[in-house]
């Protein structure tokens, strides 16, 4: 999954979404591809908004 997410990206990836303790959407959740994969795999780790 890390290889898929990191394609075409250098450095941090920015997504719009919420993490476990956020009360509203944050347009600038910025993290490395490894950190993003960890959040995706973790139950209730991240909610990505399209």
C-alpha atoms as a PDB file:
ATOM      1  CA  UNK A   1       0.000   0.000   0.000  1.00  0.00           C
ATOM      2  CA  UNK A   2       2.904   2.356   0.724  1.00  0.00           C
ATOM      3  CA  UNK A   3       4.196   1.929  -2.836  1.00  0.00           C
ATOM      4  CA  UNK A   4       0.769   2.738  -4.262  1.00  0.00           C
ATOM      5  CA  UNK A   5       0.236   5.857  -2.142  1.00  0.00           C
ATOM      6  CA  UNK A   6       3.759   7.189  -2.622  1.00  0.00           C
ATOM      7  CA  UNK A   7       3.658   7.038  -6.451  1.00  0.00           C
ATOM      8  CA  UNK A   8       4.182  10.515  -7.860  1.00  0.00           C
ATOM      9  CA  UNK A   9       4.666  12.051  -4.426  1.00  0.00           C
ATOM     10  CA  UNK A  10       7.812  13.408  -2.890  1.00  0.00           C
ATOM     11  CA  UNK A  11       7.775  14.354   0.774  1.00  0.00           C
ATOM     12  CA  UNK A  12       4.516  14.669   2.674  1.00  0.00           C
ATOM     13  CA  UNK A  13       1.066  13.907   1.309  1.00  0.00           C
ATOM     14  CA  UNK A  14      -1.729  16.327   2.172  1.00  0.00           C
ATOM     15  CA  UNK A  15      -5.302  15.060   2.494  1.00  0.00           C
ATOM     16  CA  UNK A  16      -8.557  16.577   3.707  1.00  0.00           C
ATOM     17  CA  UNK A  17     -10.118  14.636   6.544  1.00  0.00           C
ATOM     18  CA  UNK A  18     -10.331  13.979  10.256  1.00  0.00           C
ATOM     19  CA  UNK A  19      -8.437  11.854  12.745  1.00  0.00           C
ATOM     20  CA  UNK A  20      -9.737  10.248  15.937  1.00  0.00           C
ATOM     21  CA  UNK A  21      -9.838  13.393  18.104  1.00  0.00           C
ATOM     22  CA  UNK A  22     -10.682  16.078  15.513  1.00  0.00           C
ATOM     23  CA  UNK A  23     -13.996  17.883  15.852  1.00  0.00           C
ATOM     24  CA  UNK A  24     -14.117  19.189  12.280  1.00  0.00           C
ATOM     25  CA  UNK A  25     -12.463  18.588   8.927  1.00  0.00           C
ATOM     26  CA  UNK A  26      -8.932  19.835   8.548  1.00  0.00           C
ATOM     27  CA  UNK A  27      -8.007  20.685   4.976  1.00  0.00           C
ATOM     28  CA  UNK A  28      -4.335  20.172   5.698  1.00  0.00           C
ATOM     29  CA  UNK A  29      -3.601  16.795   7.228  1.00  0.00           C
ATOM     30  CA  UNK A  30      -0.020  16.402   6.067  1.00  0.00           C
ATOM     31  CA  UNK A  31       2.001  13.235   6.662  1.00  0.00           C
ATOM     32  CA  UNK A  32       4.419  10.860   5.000  1.00  0.00           C
ATOM     33  CA  UNK A  33       3.067   7.984   2.931  1.00  0.00           C
ATOM     34  CA  UNK A  34       4.070   5.552   5.709  1.00  0.00           C
ATOM     35  CA  UNK A  35       2.161   7.550   8.324  1.00  0.00           C
ATOM     36  CA  UNK A  36      -0.893   7.777   6.047  1.00  0.00           C
ATOM     37  CA  UNK A  37      -0.904   4.011   5.507  1.00  0.00           C
ATOM     38  CA  UNK A  38      -0.678   3.458   9.283  1.00  0.00           C
ATOM     39  CA  UNK A  39      -3.682   5.752   9.811  1.00  0.00           C
ATOM     40  CA  UNK A  40      -5.674   4.009   7.053  1.00  0.00           C
ATOM     41  CA  UNK A  41      -4.958   0.554   8.498  1.00  0.00           C
ATOM     42  CA  UNK A  42      -5.761   1.628  12.086  1.00  0.00           C
ATOM     43  CA  UNK A  43      -9.455   1.237  13.018  1.00  0.00           C
ATOM     44  CA  UNK A  44     -10.947   4.759  13.189  1.00  0.00           C
ATOM     45  CA  UNK A  45      -7.493   6.159  12.398  1.00  0.00           C
ATOM     46  CA  UNK A  46      -8.509   8.586   9.656  1.00  0.00           C
ATOM     47  CA  UNK A  47     -11.604   9.651   7.741  1.00  0.00           C
ATOM     48  CA  UNK A  48     -10.643  11.009   4.333  1.00  0.00           C
ATOM     49  CA  UNK A  49     -13.110  13.495   2.816  1.00  0.00           C
ATOM     50  CA  UNK A  50     -13.301  13.679  -0.970  1.00  0.00           C
END
